[in-house]
Amino acid sequence: MPGHHHCHCGPFRVDMVPHGLLKPYILRLLLEGPKHGFEIMEEMYERTQGLWRPGPSVIYPTLERLEEGGYIEAIERSGAGEKAARPYRLTRKGRDVLKGFDTFRADWTETLSTLEGIWE
C-alpha cells in the first residue's frame, strides 16, 4: 500500500507506524546531518519504502515543537525570501534524548518479536 501508513484488515484498522515515533525518527534523521522539512519527508518515505509519508501539516509543527523544546535548532535559511528552505540540526539535548530512544527501541523490537507468537 504505497503512500498509506495503515492497513484496513476487515473491520480493523492496523497502524503500520506507532504513534509517538515521529519525533525520535526526525531526530535520528538529523543525527546524520542538517535537513529541512521537505528532505525529512522524502527521507521518511524512501526509508520506509512508501509506508510512511507524513505531510507538511504534520512535519512542520513537529519541527517547531522540537525546536521549542531545545532538541533541534534552525540554521540560517538557504536561499532568498520567506519560502527558502529552513534546515535544522540536532542540539546536544537532541543527541542525549536519542540515547534513551536507542534503549527503548531495543526493548520495543524484542517485544514485537514476542508478539509474533500470537499468529502461530
Protein backbone atom coordinates (compact mmCIF):
# COMPACT_ATOMS: atom_id res chain seq x y z
CA MET A 1 0.00 0.00 0.00
CA PRO A 2 2.37 2.77 -1.11
CA GLY A 3 1.54 6.12 0.46
CA HIS A 4 -0.53 4.66 3.29
CA HIS A 5 0.64 4.08 6.84
CA HIS A 6 -2.12 1.69 7.87
CA CYS A 7 -4.00 -1.28 6.53
CA HIS A 8 -7.69 -1.98 6.61
CA CYS A 9 -7.93 -5.60 7.68
CA GLY A 10 -11.64 -6.32 7.53
CA PRO A 11 -13.32 -4.15 10.17
CA PHE A 12 -9.95 -3.34 11.81
CA ARG A 13 -7.52 -0.55 11.09
CA VAL A 14 -3.93 -1.51 11.88
CA ASP A 15 -1.34 1.26 12.06
CA MET A 16 1.98 0.34 10.49
CA VAL A 17 3.81 3.12 12.32
CA PRO A 18 3.16 3.52 16.06
CA HIS A 19 2.12 6.92 17.37
CA GLY A 20 4.96 8.73 19.05
CA LEU A 21 7.61 7.58 16.60
CA LEU A 22 7.70 10.77 14.53
CA LYS A 23 9.81 12.94 16.84
CA PRO A 24 12.52 10.35 17.51
CA TYR A 25 12.61 9.45 13.81
CA ILE A 26 13.15 13.09 12.86
CA LEU A 27 15.92 13.37 15.46
CA ARG A 28 17.52 10.21 14.08
CA LEU A 29 17.50 11.66 10.55
CA LEU A 30 19.05 14.89 11.80
CA LEU A 31 21.78 12.91 13.52
CA GLU A 32 23.09 12.24 10.01
CA GLY A 33 23.28 15.96 9.26
CA PRO A 34 21.12 19.06 8.80
CA LYS A 35 17.93 18.71 6.77
CA HIS A 36 14.93 20.86 6.01
CA GLY A 37 11.31 19.73 6.28
CA PHE A 38 10.90 18.56 2.69
CA GLU A 39 14.10 16.49 2.88
CA ILE A 40 12.83 14.88 6.08
CA MET A 41 9.51 13.98 4.45
CA GLU A 42 11.27 12.47 1.43
CA GLU A 43 13.75 10.50 3.57
CA MET A 44 10.94 9.05 5.66
CA TYR A 45 9.05 7.99 2.56
CA GLU A 46 12.09 6.40 0.94
CA ARG A 47 13.40 4.64 4.04
CA THR A 48 10.01 3.14 4.88
CA GLN A 49 9.52 2.04 1.26
CA GLY A 50 6.45 4.22 0.93
CA LEU A 51 4.71 3.03 4.11
CA TRP A 52 5.06 6.33 5.94
CA ARG A 53 4.82 9.77 4.42
CA PRO A 54 3.80 12.42 6.91
CA GLY A 55 2.86 15.61 5.10
CA PRO A 56 3.78 19.23 5.76
CA SER A 57 0.85 19.71 8.15
CA VAL A 58 2.48 17.13 10.44
CA ILE A 59 6.20 17.66 9.82
CA TYR A 60 6.44 21.43 10.22
CA PRO A 61 4.53 21.72 13.52
CA THR A 62 6.60 18.80 14.85
CA LEU A 63 9.81 20.58 13.85
CA GLU A 64 8.57 23.72 15.64
CA ARG A 65 7.84 21.72 18.81
CA LEU A 66 11.26 20.05 18.68
CA GLU A 67 12.88 23.46 18.25
CA GLU A 68 10.87 24.97 21.12
CA GLY A 69 11.93 22.02 23.30
CA GLY A 70 15.59 22.67 22.52
CA TYR A 71 16.13 19.35 20.69
CA ILE A 72 16.89 20.94 17.33
CA GLU A 73 17.86 24.37 16.07
CA ALA A 74 17.29 26.13 12.80
CA ILE A 75 20.27 27.02 10.70
CA GLU A 76 20.30 30.24 8.70
CA ARG A 77 17.93 29.91 5.75
CA SER A 78 19.45 28.78 2.49
CA GLY A 79 18.19 30.91 -0.36
CA ALA A 80 16.33 34.17 -0.56
CA GLY A 81 12.85 35.02 0.51
CA GLU A 82 10.45 33.69 3.09
CA LYS A 83 9.83 30.45 1.18
CA ALA A 84 13.51 29.45 1.38
CA ALA A 85 14.33 26.10 2.94
CA ARG A 86 14.98 26.23 6.68
CA PRO A 87 17.38 23.43 7.62
CA TYR A 88 17.52 22.09 11.16
CA ARG A 89 20.26 20.36 13.10
CA LEU A 90 20.40 18.46 16.36
CA THR A 91 21.39 20.12 19.59
CA ARG A 92 23.22 18.40 22.42
CA LYS A 93 19.85 17.88 24.12
CA GLY A 94 18.57 16.18 20.96
CA ARG A 95 21.58 13.85 20.87
CA ASP A 96 21.10 12.97 24.54
CA VAL A 97 17.44 12.08 24.10
CA LEU A 98 18.33 9.77 21.20
CA LYS A 99 20.49 7.68 23.53
CA GLY A 100 17.39 6.92 25.60
CA PHE A 101 15.42 6.15 22.47
CA ASP A 102 18.01 3.56 21.39
CA THR A 103 17.37 1.64 24.62
CA PHE A 104 13.60 1.92 24.12
CA ARG A 105 13.91 0.76 20.51
CA ALA A 106 15.82 -2.38 21.51
CA ASP A 107 13.16 -3.22 24.11
CA TRP A 108 10.35 -2.45 21.67
CA THR A 109 11.86 -4.66 18.96
CA GLU A 110 12.15 -7.52 21.43
CA THR A 111 8.53 -7.07 22.47
CA LEU A 112 7.38 -7.08 18.84
CA SER A 113 9.21 -10.34 18.17
CA THR A 114 7.46 -11.84 21.21
CA LEU A 115 4.08 -10.75 19.82
CA GLU A 116 4.74 -12.67 16.61
CA GLY A 117 3.90 -15.81 18.61
CA ILE A 118 0.21 -14.86 18.66
CA TRP A 119 -0.04 -15.51 14.90
CA GLU A 120 1.38 -19.01 15.03
